[in-house]
Structure formats: C-alpha cells, structure tokens
PDB file of all heavy atoms in Angstrom:
ATOM      1  N   GLU A   1      14.896  19.536  -0.098  1.00  0.00           N
ATOM      2  CA  GLU A   1      14.874  18.360   0.695  1.00  0.00           C
ATOM      3  C   GLU A   1      15.215  17.089  -0.135  1.00  0.00           C
ATOM      4  O   GLU A   1      15.665  16.054   0.394  1.00  0.00           O
ATOM      5  CB  GLU A   1      13.556  18.202   1.428  1.00  0.00           C
ATOM      6  CG  GLU A   1      13.404  19.210   2.673  1.00  0.00           C
ATOM      7  CD  GLU A   1      12.162  18.959   3.357  1.00  0.00           C
ATOM      8  OE1 GLU A   1      11.241  18.208   3.037  1.00  0.00           O
ATOM      9  OE2 GLU A   1      12.000  19.774   4.407  1.00  0.00           O
ATOM     10  N   GLY A   2      14.610  17.091  -1.333  1.00  0.00           N
ATOM     11  CA  GLY A   2      14.768  15.972  -2.212  1.00  0.00           C
ATOM     12  C   GLY A   2      16.238  15.783  -2.729  1.00  0.00           C
ATOM     13  O   GLY A   2      16.566  14.994  -3.639  1.00  0.00           O
ATOM     14  N   GLY A   3      17.097  16.841  -2.594  1.00  0.00           N
ATOM     15  CA  GLY A   3      18.379  16.961  -3.138  1.00  0.00           C
ATOM     16  C   GLY A   3      18.403  17.145  -4.594  1.00  0.00           C
ATOM     17  O   GLY A   3      19.350  16.851  -5.396  1.00  0.00           O
ATOM     18  N   LEU A   4      17.392  17.830  -5.095  1.00  0.00           N
ATOM     19  CA  LEU A   4      17.156  17.978  -6.536  1.00  0.00           C
ATOM     20  C   LEU A   4      17.707  19.388  -7.074  1.00  0.00           C
ATOM     21  O   LEU A   4      17.798  19.590  -8.239  1.00  0.00           O
ATOM     22  CB  LEU A   4      15.714  17.856  -6.906  1.00  0.00           C
ATOM     23  CG  LEU A   4      15.031  16.586  -6.472  1.00  0.00           C
ATOM     24  CD1 LEU A   4      13.545  16.684  -6.758  1.00  0.00           C
ATOM     25  CD2 LEU A   4      15.707  15.468  -7.383  1.00  0.00           C
ATOM     26  N   THR A   5      18.019  20.305  -6.082  1.00  0.00           N
ATOM     27  CA  THR A   5      18.492  21.601  -6.485  1.00  0.00           C
ATOM     28  C   THR A   5      19.573  22.085  -5.455  1.00  0.00           C
ATOM     29  O   THR A   5      19.594  21.818  -4.316  1.00  0.00           O
ATOM     30  CB  THR A   5      17.290  22.568  -6.469  1.00  0.00           C
ATOM     31  OG1 THR A   5      17.827  23.801  -7.175  1.00  0.00           O
ATOM     32  CG2 THR A   5      16.687  22.868  -5.129  1.00  0.00           C
ATOM     33  N   GLU A   6      20.413  22.972  -6.079  1.00  0.00           N
ATOM     34  CA  GLU A   6      21.421  23.598  -5.285  1.00  0.00           C
ATOM     35  C   GLU A   6      20.729  24.845  -4.769  1.00  0.00           C
ATOM     36  O   GLU A   6      19.712  25.263  -5.189  1.00  0.00           O
ATOM     37  CB  GLU A   6      22.616  24.008  -6.026  1.00  0.00           C
ATOM     38  CG  GLU A   6      23.432  22.789  -6.438  1.00  0.00           C
ATOM     39  CD  GLU A   6      24.687  23.241  -7.270  1.00  0.00           C
ATOM     40  OE1 GLU A   6      24.876  24.361  -7.571  1.00  0.00           O
ATOM     41  OE2 GLU A   6      25.456  22.280  -7.608  1.00  0.00           O
ATOM     42  N   MET A   7      21.263  25.532  -3.620  1.00  0.00           N
ATOM     43  CA  MET A   7      20.578  26.736  -3.154  1.00  0.00           C
ATOM     44  C   MET A   7      21.709  27.901  -3.063  1.00  0.00           C
ATOM     45  O   MET A   7      22.856  27.546  -2.811  1.00  0.00           O
ATOM     46  CB  MET A   7      19.794  26.508  -1.975  1.00  0.00           C
ATOM     47  CG  MET A   7      20.757  26.128  -0.772  1.00  0.00           C
ATOM     48  SD  MET A   7      19.776  25.707   0.741  1.00  0.00           S
ATOM     49  CE  MET A   7      20.179  23.947   0.806  1.00  0.00           C
ATOM     50  N   TYR A   8      21.261  29.058  -2.952  1.00  0.00           N
ATOM     51  CA  TYR A   8      22.121  30.111  -2.773  1.00  0.00           C
ATOM     52  C   TYR A   8      22.419  30.206  -1.218  1.00  0.00           C
ATOM     53  O   TYR A   8      21.628  29.616  -0.490  1.00  0.00           O
ATOM     54  CB  TYR A   8      21.457  31.509  -3.121  1.00  0.00           C
ATOM     55  CG  TYR A   8      21.247  31.756  -4.527  1.00  0.00           C
ATOM     56  CD1 TYR A   8      19.984  31.661  -5.164  1.00  0.00           C
ATOM     57  CD2 TYR A   8      22.396  32.091  -5.365  1.00  0.00           C
ATOM     58  CE1 TYR A   8      19.841  31.888  -6.514  1.00  0.00           C
ATOM     59  CE2 TYR A   8      22.188  32.257  -6.649  1.00  0.00           C
ATOM     60  CZ  TYR A   8      20.869  32.184  -7.317  1.00  0.00           C
ATOM     61  OH  TYR A   8      20.839  32.387  -8.621  1.00  0.00           O
ATOM     62  N   VAL A   9      23.532  30.771  -0.859  1.00  0.00           N
ATOM     63  CA  VAL A   9      23.901  30.803   0.514  1.00  0.00           C
ATOM     64  C   VAL A   9      22.871  31.488   1.296  1.00  0.00           C
ATOM     65  O   VAL A   9      22.544  31.083   2.427  1.00  0.00           O
ATOM     66  CB  VAL A   9      25.334  31.614   0.678  1.00  0.00           C
ATOM     67  CG1 VAL A   9      25.608  31.894   2.107  1.00  0.00           C
ATOM     68  CG2 VAL A   9      26.436  30.736  -0.059  1.00  0.00           C
ATOM     69  N   GLU A  10      22.266  32.613   0.814  1.00  0.00           N
ATOM     70  CA  GLU A  10      21.139  33.415   1.515  1.00  0.00           C
ATOM     71  C   GLU A  10      20.037  32.432   1.731  1.00  0.00           C
ATOM     72  O   GLU A  10      19.424  32.454   2.915  1.00  0.00           O
ATOM     73  CB  GLU A  10      20.837  34.519   0.767  1.00  0.00           C
ATOM     74  CG  GLU A  10      19.793  35.380   1.470  1.00  0.00           C
ATOM     75  CD  GLU A  10      20.304  35.937   2.764  1.00  0.00           C
ATOM     76  OE1 GLU A  10      21.432  35.968   3.069  1.00  0.00           O
ATOM     77  OE2 GLU A  10      19.452  36.440   3.567  1.00  0.00           O
ATOM     78  N   THR A  11      19.637  31.606   0.774  1.00  0.00           N
ATOM     79  CA  THR A  11      18.568  30.621   1.025  1.00  0.00           C
ATOM     80  C   THR A  11      18.821  29.658   2.112  1.00  0.00           C
ATOM     81  O   THR A  11      18.121  29.334   3.031  1.00  0.00           O
ATOM     82  CB  THR A  11      18.153  29.898  -0.260  1.00  0.00           C
ATOM     83  OG1 THR A  11      17.873  30.860  -1.290  1.00  0.00           O
ATOM     84  CG2 THR A  11      17.041  28.913   0.010  1.00  0.00           C
ATOM     85  N   PHE A  12      20.168  29.133   2.169  1.00  0.00           N
ATOM     86  CA  PHE A  12      20.675  28.139   3.080  1.00  0.00           C
ATOM     87  C   PHE A  12      20.616  28.842   4.504  1.00  0.00           C
ATOM     88  O   PHE A  12      20.152  28.224   5.454  1.00  0.00           O
ATOM     89  CB  PHE A  12      22.105  27.659   2.802  1.00  0.00           C
ATOM     90  CG  PHE A  12      22.575  26.824   3.931  1.00  0.00           C
ATOM     91  CD1 PHE A  12      22.274  25.494   3.878  1.00  0.00           C
ATOM     92  CD2 PHE A  12      23.549  27.273   4.763  1.00  0.00           C
ATOM     93  CE1 PHE A  12      22.820  24.657   4.951  1.00  0.00           C
ATOM     94  CE2 PHE A  12      24.122  26.578   5.776  1.00  0.00           C
ATOM     95  CZ  PHE A  12      23.728  25.176   5.852  1.00  0.00           C
ATOM     96  N   ARG A  13      21.003  30.088   4.539  1.00  0.00           N
ATOM     97  CA  ARG A  13      20.966  30.839   5.885  1.00  0.00           C
ATOM     98  C   ARG A  13      19.564  30.908   6.412  1.00  0.00           C
ATOM     99  O   ARG A  13      19.354  30.730   7.567  1.00  0.00           O
ATOM    100  CB  ARG A  13      21.709  32.216   5.660  1.00  0.00           C
ATOM    101  CG  ARG A  13      21.845  33.005   7.063  1.00  0.00           C
ATOM    102  CD  ARG A  13      22.245  34.405   6.822  1.00  0.00           C
ATOM    103  NE  ARG A  13      21.129  35.142   6.107  1.00  0.00           N
ATOM    104  CZ  ARG A  13      19.874  35.468   6.650  1.00  0.00           C
ATOM    105  NH1 ARG A  13      19.635  35.310   7.976  1.00  0.00           N
ATOM    106  NH2 ARG A  13      18.985  36.186   6.047  1.00  0.00           N
ATOM    107  N   LYS A  14      18.611  31.325   5.562  1.00  0.00           N
ATOM    108  CA  LYS A  14      17.267  31.515   5.851  1.00  0.00           C
ATOM    109  C   LYS A  14      16.738  30.157   6.424  1.00  0.00           C
ATOM    110  O   LYS A  14      15.936  30.108   7.444  1.00  0.00           O
ATOM    111  CB  LYS A  14      16.405  32.010   4.727  1.00  0.00           C
ATOM    112  CG  LYS A  14      16.702  33.457   4.415  1.00  0.00           C
ATOM    113  CD  LYS A  14      15.900  33.863   3.262  1.00  0.00           C
ATOM    114  CE  LYS A  14      16.097  35.330   2.815  1.00  0.00           C
ATOM    115  NZ  LYS A  14      15.140  35.595   1.608  1.00  0.00           N
ATOM    116  N   LEU A  15      16.943  29.096   5.716  1.00  0.00           N
ATOM    117  CA  LEU A  15      16.489  27.833   6.099  1.00  0.00           C
ATOM    118  C   LEU A  15      17.045  27.397   7.489  1.00  0.00           C
ATOM    119  O   LEU A  15      16.337  26.868   8.516  1.00  0.00           O
ATOM    120  CB  LEU A  15      16.738  26.627   5.155  1.00  0.00           C
ATOM    121  CG  LEU A  15      16.010  26.658   3.923  1.00  0.00           C
ATOM    122  CD1 LEU A  15      16.524  25.722   2.830  1.00  0.00           C
ATOM    123  CD2 LEU A  15      14.492  26.232   4.106  1.00  0.00           C
ATOM    124  N   ALA A  16      18.315  27.637   7.745  1.00  0.00           N
ATOM    125  CA  ALA A  16      18.932  27.258   8.997  1.00  0.00           C
ATOM    126  C   ALA A  16      18.391  28.099  10.146  1.00  0.00           C
ATOM    127  O   ALA A  16      18.127  27.561  11.163  1.00  0.00           O
ATOM    128  CB  ALA A  16      20.531  27.519   8.949  1.00  0.00           C
ATOM    129  N   GLN A  17      18.113  29.403   9.806  1.00  0.00           N
ATOM    130  CA  GLN A  17      17.460  30.268  10.934  1.00  0.00           C
ATOM    131  C   GLN A  17      16.082  29.728  11.118  1.00  0.00           C
ATOM    132  O   GLN A  17      15.659  29.771  12.383  1.00  0.00           O
ATOM    133  CB  GLN A  17      17.615  31.698  10.413  1.00  0.00           C
ATOM    134  CG  GLN A  17      17.043  32.685  11.393  1.00  0.00           C
ATOM    135  CD  GLN A  17      17.192  34.039  10.985  1.00  0.00           C
ATOM    136  OE1 GLN A  17      17.519  34.333   9.838  1.00  0.00           O
ATOM    137  NE2 GLN A  17      17.090  34.983  11.845  1.00  0.00           N
ATOM    138  N   ALA A  18      15.322  29.502  10.109  1.00  0.00           N
ATOM    139  CA  ALA A  18      13.981  29.106  10.262  1.00  0.00           C
ATOM    140  C   ALA A  18      13.857  27.769  11.094  1.00  0.00           C
ATOM    141  O   ALA A  18      12.894  27.508  11.935  1.00  0.00           O
ATOM    142  CB  ALA A  18      13.227  28.896   8.938  1.00  0.00           C
ATOM    143  N   LEU A  19      14.787  26.896  10.912  1.00  0.00           N
ATOM    144  CA  LEU A  19      14.884  25.587  11.633  1.00  0.00           C
ATOM    145  C   LEU A  19      15.512  25.659  13.031  1.00  0.00           C
ATOM    146  O   LEU A  19      15.579  24.715  13.835  1.00  0.00           O
ATOM    147  CB  LEU A  19      15.706  24.702  10.820  1.00  0.00           C
ATOM    148  CG  LEU A  19      14.909  24.135   9.442  1.00  0.00           C
ATOM    149  CD1 LEU A  19      16.025  23.477   8.708  1.00  0.00           C
ATOM    150  CD2 LEU A  19      13.805  23.243   9.823  1.00  0.00           C
ATOM    151  N   GLY A  20      16.179  26.844  13.351  1.00  0.00           N
ATOM    152  CA  GLY A  20      16.938  26.995  14.664  1.00  0.00           C
ATOM    153  C   GLY A  20      18.062  26.146  14.701  1.00  0.00           C
ATOM    154  O   GLY A  20      18.409  25.519  15.699  1.00  0.00           O
ATOM    155  N   ALA A  21      18.764  25.931  13.442  1.00  0.00           N
ATOM    156  CA  ALA A  21      19.848  25.035  13.350  1.00  0.00           C
ATOM    157  C   ALA A  21      21.171  25.722  13.063  1.00  0.00           C
ATOM    158  O   ALA A  21      21.196  26.963  12.630  1.00  0.00           O
ATOM    159  CB  ALA A  21      19.635  24.176  12.114  1.00  0.00           C
ATOM    160  N   ASP A  22      22.271  25.109  13.556  1.00  0.00           N
ATOM    161  CA  ASP A  22      23.549  25.502  13.310  1.00  0.00           C
ATOM    162  C   ASP A  22      23.892  25.165  11.744  1.00  0.00           C
ATOM    163  O   ASP A  22      23.844  23.964  11.453  1.00  0.00           O
ATOM    164  CB  ASP A  22      24.476  24.923  14.318  1.00  0.00           C
ATOM    165  CG  ASP A  22      25.881  25.111  13.975  1.00  0.00           C
ATOM    166  OD1 ASP A  22      26.336  26.315  14.225  1.00  0.00           O
ATOM    167  OD2 ASP A  22      26.649  24.244  13.585  1.00  0.00           O
ATOM    168  N   ALA A  23      24.326  26.148  11.017  1.00  0.00           N
ATOM    169  CA  ALA A  23      24.731  25.995   9.697  1.00  0.00           C
ATOM    170  C   ALA A  23      25.785  24.976   9.599  1.00  0.00           C
ATOM    171  O   ALA A  23      25.779  24.035   8.575  1.00  0.00           O
ATOM    172  CB  ALA A  23      25.065  27.290   9.017  1.00  0.00           C
ATOM    173  N   GLY A  24      26.762  24.971  10.349  1.00  0.00           N
ATOM    174  CA  GLY A  24      27.913  24.013  10.334  1.00  0.00           C
ATOM    175  C   GLY A  24      27.456  22.631  10.508  1.00  0.00           C
ATOM    176  O   GLY A  24      27.887  21.726   9.847  1.00  0.00           O
ATOM    177  N   SER A  25      26.508  22.342  11.351  1.00  0.00           N
ATOM    178  CA  SER A  25      26.052  20.870  11.549  1.00  0.00           C
ATOM    179  C   SER A  25      25.200  20.480  10.387  1.00  0.00           C
ATOM    180  O   SER A  25      25.203  19.373   9.988  1.00  0.00           O
ATOM    181  CB  SER A  25      25.277  20.847  12.918  1.00  0.00           C
ATOM    182  OG  SER A  25      24.073  21.459  12.819  1.00  0.00           O
ATOM    183  N   LEU A  26      24.476  21.465   9.727  1.00  0.00           N
ATOM    184  CA  LEU A  26      23.778  21.056   8.541  1.00  0.00           C
ATOM    185  C   LEU A  26      24.662  20.607   7.461  1.00  0.00           C
ATOM    186  O   LEU A  26      24.347  19.778   6.678  1.00  0.00           O
ATOM    187  CB  LEU A  26      22.874  22.250   8.071  1.00  0.00           C
ATOM    188  CG  LEU A  26      21.514  22.376   8.797  1.00  0.00           C
ATOM    189  CD1 LEU A  26      20.782  23.653   8.160  1.00  0.00           C
ATOM    190  CD2 LEU A  26      20.630  21.175   8.449  1.00  0.00           C
ATOM    191  N   LEU A  27      25.829  21.304   7.277  1.00  0.00           N
ATOM    192  CA  LEU A  27      26.780  21.072   6.181  1.00  0.00           C
ATOM    193  C   LEU A  27      27.698  19.926   6.467  1.00  0.00           C
ATOM    194  O   LEU A  27      27.967  19.112   5.611  1.00  0.00           O
ATOM    195  CB  LEU A  27      27.553  22.245   5.902  1.00  0.00           C
ATOM    196  CG  LEU A  27      26.915  23.559   5.318  1.00  0.00           C
ATOM    197  CD1 LEU A  27      27.878  24.664   5.410  1.00  0.00           C
ATOM    198  CD2 LEU A  27      26.425  23.175   4.026  1.00  0.00           C
ATOM    199  N   CYS A  28      28.125  19.718   7.700  1.00  0.00           N
ATOM    200  CA  CYS A  28      29.134  18.774   7.949  1.00  0.00           C
ATOM    201  C   CYS A  28      28.726  17.436   8.733  1.00  0.00           C
ATOM    202  O   CYS A  28      29.451  16.405   8.578  1.00  0.00           O
ATOM    203  CB  CYS A  28      30.109  19.366   8.884  1.00  0.00           C
ATOM    204  SG  CYS A  28      30.843  20.868   8.208  1.00  0.00           S
ATOM    205  N   ARG A  29      27.577  17.391   9.216  1.00  0.00           N
ATOM    206  CA  ARG A  29      27.263  16.230  10.110  1.00  0.00           C
ATOM    207  C   ARG A  29      26.958  15.082   9.172  1.00  0.00           C
ATOM    208  O   ARG A  29      25.923  15.009   8.460  1.00  0.00           O
ATOM    209  CB  ARG A  29      26.007  16.587  10.944  1.00  0.00           C
ATOM    210  CG  ARG A  29      25.867  15.579  11.944  1.00  0.00           C
ATOM    211  CD  ARG A  29      24.962  16.022  13.045  1.00  0.00           C
ATOM    212  NE  ARG A  29      25.168  15.131  14.238  1.00  0.00           N
ATOM    213  CZ  ARG A  29      24.958  15.548  15.376  1.00  0.00           C
ATOM    214  NH1 ARG A  29      24.519  16.720  15.728  1.00  0.00           N
ATOM    215  NH2 ARG A  29      25.155  14.752  16.492  1.00  0.00           N
ATOM    216  N   GLU A  30      27.598  14.031   9.231  1.00  0.00           N
ATOM    217  CA  GLU A  30      27.461  12.780   8.466  1.00  0.00           C
ATOM    218  C   GLU A  30      26.717  11.779   9.238  1.00  0.00           C
ATOM    219  O   GLU A  30      25.838  11.073   8.719  1.00  0.00           O
ATOM    220  CB  GLU A  30      28.837  12.206   8.155  1.00  0.00           C
ATOM    221  CG  GLU A  30      29.583  13.154   7.129  1.00  0.00           C
ATOM    222  CD  GLU A  30      28.925  13.230   5.788  1.00  0.00           C
ATOM    223  OE1 GLU A  30      28.163  12.270   5.333  1.00  0.00           O
ATOM    224  OE2 GLU A  30      28.944  14.258   5.178  1.00  0.00           O
ATOM    225  N   GLU A  31      26.981  11.749  10.654  1.00  0.00           N
ATOM    226  CA  GLU A  31      26.320  10.708  11.442  1.00  0.00           C
ATOM    227  C   GLU A  31      25.007  11.213  11.695  1.00  0.00           C
ATOM    228  O   GLU A  31      24.800  12.427  11.975  1.00  0.00           O
ATOM    229  CB  GLU A  31      27.115  10.313  12.558  1.00  0.00           C
ATOM    230  CG  GLU A  31      27.196  11.376  13.781  1.00  0.00           C
ATOM    231  CD  GLU A  31      28.109  12.542  13.546  1.00  0.00           C
ATOM    232  OE1 GLU A  31      28.822  12.510  12.550  1.00  0.00           O
ATOM    233  OE2 GLU A  31      28.159  13.374  14.305  1.00  0.00           O
ATOM    234  N   LYS A  32      24.056  10.295  12.190  1.00  0.00           N
ATOM    235  CA  LYS A  32      22.753  10.696  12.554  1.00  0.00           C
ATOM    236  C   LYS A  32      22.870  11.083  13.983  1.00  0.00           C
ATOM    237  O   LYS A  32      23.545  10.517  14.850  1.00  0.00           O
ATOM    238  CB  LYS A  32      21.770   9.587  12.357  1.00  0.00           C
ATOM    239  CG  LYS A  32      21.471   9.250  10.998  1.00  0.00           C
ATOM    240  CD  LYS A  32      20.341   8.335  10.959  1.00  0.00           C
ATOM    241  CE  LYS A  32      20.059   8.094   9.465  1.00  0.00           C
ATOM    242  NZ  LYS A  32      18.591   8.228   9.074  1.00  0.00           N
ATOM    243  N   PRO A  33      22.173  12.300  14.457  1.00  0.00           N
ATOM    244  CA  PRO A  33      22.292  12.563  15.791  1.00  0.00           C
ATOM    245  C   PRO A  33      21.543  11.481  16.711  1.00  0.00           C
ATOM    246  O   PRO A  33      20.610  10.863  16.086  1.00  0.00           O
ATOM    247  CB  PRO A  33      21.473  13.933  15.923  1.00  0.00           C
ATOM    248  CG  PRO A  33      20.627  13.859  14.609  1.00  0.00           C
ATOM    249  CD  PRO A  33      21.292  13.156  13.734  1.00  0.00           C
ATOM    250  N   ASP A  34      21.976  11.288  17.972  1.00  0.00           N
ATOM    251  CA  ASP A  34      21.374  10.321  18.744  1.00  0.00           C
ATOM    252  C   ASP A  34      20.022  10.934  19.158  1.00  0.00           C
ATOM    253  O   ASP A  34      19.699  12.076  18.893  1.00  0.00           O
ATOM    254  CB  ASP A  34      22.258   9.927  19.899  1.00  0.00           C
ATOM    255  CG  ASP A  34      22.335  10.988  20.917  1.00  0.00           C
ATOM    256  OD1 ASP A  34      21.584  11.947  20.964  1.00  0.00           O
ATOM    257  OD2 ASP A  34      23.476  10.894  21.722  1.00  0.00           O
ATOM    258  N   SER A  35      19.198  10.030  19.704  1.00  0.00           N
ATOM    259  CA  SER A  35      17.817  10.478  19.981  1.00  0.00           C
ATOM    260  C   SER A  35      17.798  11.646  20.919  1.00  0.00           C
ATOM    261  O   SER A  35      16.820  12.540  20.929  1.00  0.00           O
ATOM    262  CB  SER A  35      16.929   9.292  20.474  1.00  0.00           C
ATOM    263  OG  SER A  35      17.534   8.766  21.705  1.00  0.00           O
ATOM    264  N   GLY A  36      18.749  11.648  21.849  1.00  0.00           N
ATOM    265  CA  GLY A  36      18.774  12.814  22.808  1.00  0.00           C
ATOM    266  C   GLY A  36      18.967  14.126  22.027  1.00  0.00           C
ATOM    267  O   GLY A  36      18.286  15.111  22.347  1.00  0.00           O
ATOM    268  N   ASP A  37      19.889  14.080  21.097  1.00  0.00           N
ATOM    269  CA  ASP A  37      20.114  15.330  20.353  1.00  0.00           C
ATOM    270  C   ASP A  37      18.846  15.682  19.587  1.00  0.00           C
ATOM    271  O   ASP A  37      18.597  16.935  19.573  1.00  0.00           O
ATOM    272  CB  ASP A  37      21.171  15.088  19.225  1.00  0.00           C
ATOM    273  CG  ASP A  37      22.628  15.071  19.832  1.00  0.00           C
ATOM    274  OD1 ASP A  37      22.721  15.457  21.067  1.00  0.00           O
ATOM    275  OD2 ASP A  37      23.552  14.654  19.171  1.00  0.00           O
ATOM    276  N   ARG A  38      18.122  14.819  19.062  1.00  0.00           N
ATOM    277  CA  ARG A  38      17.007  15.131  18.274  1.00  0.00           C
ATOM    278  C   ARG A  38      15.885  15.708  19.112  1.00  0.00           C
ATOM    279  O   ARG A  38      15.210  16.653  18.857  1.00  0.00           O
ATOM    280  CB  ARG A  38      16.448  13.881  17.587  1.00  0.00           C
ATOM    281  CG  ARG A  38      17.092  13.551  16.238  1.00  0.00           C
ATOM    282  CD  ARG A  38      16.322  12.522  15.462  1.00  0.00           C
ATOM    283  NE  ARG A  38      15.922  11.393  16.227  1.00  0.00           N
ATOM    284  CZ  ARG A  38      16.538  10.297  16.377  1.00  0.00           C
ATOM    285  NH1 ARG A  38      17.684  10.119  15.777  1.00  0.00           N
ATOM    286  NH2 ARG A  38      16.075   9.294  17.000  1.00  0.00           N
ATOM    287  N   HIS A  39      15.744  15.092  20.431  1.00  0.00           N
ATOM    288  CA  HIS A  39      14.778  15.708  21.388  1.00  0.00           C
ATOM    289  C   HIS A  39      15.161  17.086  21.781  1.00  0.00           C
ATOM    290  O   HIS A  39      14.179  17.992  21.879  1.00  0.00           O
ATOM    291  CB  HIS A  39      14.659  14.731  22.566  1.00  0.00           C
ATOM    292  CG  HIS A  39      14.077  13.367  22.230  1.00  0.00           C
ATOM    293  ND1 HIS A  39      12.932  13.143  21.602  1.00  0.00           N
ATOM    294  CD2 HIS A  39      14.608  12.122  22.471  1.00  0.00           C
ATOM    295  CE1 HIS A  39      12.745  11.842  21.489  1.00  0.00           C
ATOM    296  NE2 HIS A  39      13.654  11.221  22.012  1.00  0.00           N
ATOM    297  N   ILE A  40      16.377  17.310  22.039  1.00  0.00           N
ATOM    298  CA  ILE A  40      16.784  18.567  22.481  1.00  0.00           C
ATOM    299  C   ILE A  40      16.629  19.603  21.324  1.00  0.00           C
ATOM    300  O   ILE A  40      16.007  20.667  21.619  1.00  0.00           O
ATOM    301  CB  ILE A  40      18.251  18.586  22.936  1.00  0.00           C
ATOM    302  CG1 ILE A  40      18.362  17.862  24.272  1.00  0.00           C
ATOM    303  CG2 ILE A  40      18.869  19.974  23.131  1.00  0.00           C
ATOM    304  CD1 ILE A  40      19.856  17.503  24.621  1.00  0.00           C
ATOM    305  N   LYS A  41      16.957  19.292  20.100  1.00  0.00           N
ATOM    306  CA  LYS A  41      16.879  20.222  18.993  1.00  0.00           C
ATOM    307  C   LYS A  41      15.268  20.545  18.850  1.00  0.00           C
ATOM    308  O   LYS A  41      14.886  21.551  18.617  1.00  0.00           O
ATOM    309  CB  LYS A  41      17.451  19.716  17.808  1.00  0.00           C
ATOM    310  CG  LYS A  41      18.953  19.833  17.897  1.00  0.00           C
ATOM    311  CD  LYS A  41      19.593  19.244  16.643  1.00  0.00           C
ATOM    312  CE  LYS A  41      20.984  19.438  16.705  1.00  0.00           C
ATOM    313  NZ  LYS A  41      21.691  18.748  15.558  1.00  0.00           N
ATOM    314  N   SER A  42      14.527  19.523  18.926  1.00  0.00           N
ATOM    315  CA  SER A  42      13.101  19.620  18.762  1.00  0.00           C
ATOM    316  C   SER A  42      12.458  20.572  19.727  1.00  0.00           C
ATOM    317  O   SER A  42      11.618  21.454  19.509  1.00  0.00           O
ATOM    318  CB  SER A  42      12.413  18.226  18.778  1.00  0.00           C
ATOM    319  OG  SER A  42      10.974  18.331  18.642  1.00  0.00           O
ATOM    320  N   ILE A  43      12.802  20.376  21.053  1.00  0.00           N
ATOM    321  CA  ILE A  43      12.351  21.222  22.102  1.00  0.00           C
ATOM    322  C   ILE A  43      12.780  22.663  21.953  1.00  0.00           C
ATOM    323  O   ILE A  43      11.962  23.625  22.132  1.00  0.00           O
ATOM    324  CB  ILE A  43      12.777  20.704  23.471  1.00  0.00           C
ATOM    325  CG1 ILE A  43      12.022  19.302  23.858  1.00  0.00           C
ATOM    326  CG2 ILE A  43      12.473  21.645  24.614  1.00  0.00           C
ATOM    327  CD1 ILE A  43      12.627  18.506  24.919  1.00  0.00           C
ATOM    328  N   LEU A  44      14.106  22.815  21.515  1.00  0.00           N
ATOM    329  CA  LEU A  44      14.599  24.198  21.364  1.00  0.00           C
ATOM    330  C   LEU A  44      13.844  24.923  20.165  1.00  0.00           C
ATOM    331  O   LEU A  44      13.563  26.044  20.282  1.00  0.00           O
ATOM    332  CB  LEU A  44      16.055  24.137  21.051  1.00  0.00           C
ATOM    333  CG  LEU A  44      16.924  23.817  22.390  1.00  0.00           C
ATOM    334  CD1 LEU A  44      18.374  23.678  22.059  1.00  0.00           C
ATOM    335  CD2 LEU A  44      16.712  24.865  23.504  1.00  0.00           C
ATOM    336  N   SER A  45      13.505  24.071  19.150  1.00  0.00           N
ATOM    337  CA  SER A  45      12.829  24.746  18.034  1.00  0.00           C
ATOM    338  C   SER A  45      11.513  25.172  18.392  1.00  0.00           C
ATOM    339  O   SER A  45      11.007  26.129  18.074  1.00  0.00           O
ATOM    340  CB  SER A  45      12.786  23.631  16.881  1.00  0.00           C
ATOM    341  OG  SER A  45      12.038  24.087  15.736  1.00  0.00           O
TER     342      SER A  45
END
C-alpha cells in the first residue's frame, strides 16, 4: 500500500480476489472512480 515493494503476480491475484476487485482496473485505472463507483464497489465487497 505504501508503494515500497513489488509483488509477485500470485500475491497481486490474491489481493485482487480478497478485495473483490478487477485486476485490470487495479493496474490501469489512473483516474479516481466517481463516488457512485466507490459506493457500488463497497456494497459488492
């Protein structure tokens, strides 16, 4: 979270799964999601 270490692909996959997140959006999303997106993701999680 602090950007202090790289991670193995398997660690990244586990984190994405634990967060209920799409790996592509974790890697590529530059803009901040709007509040609606955050609320939906939070509810789904």
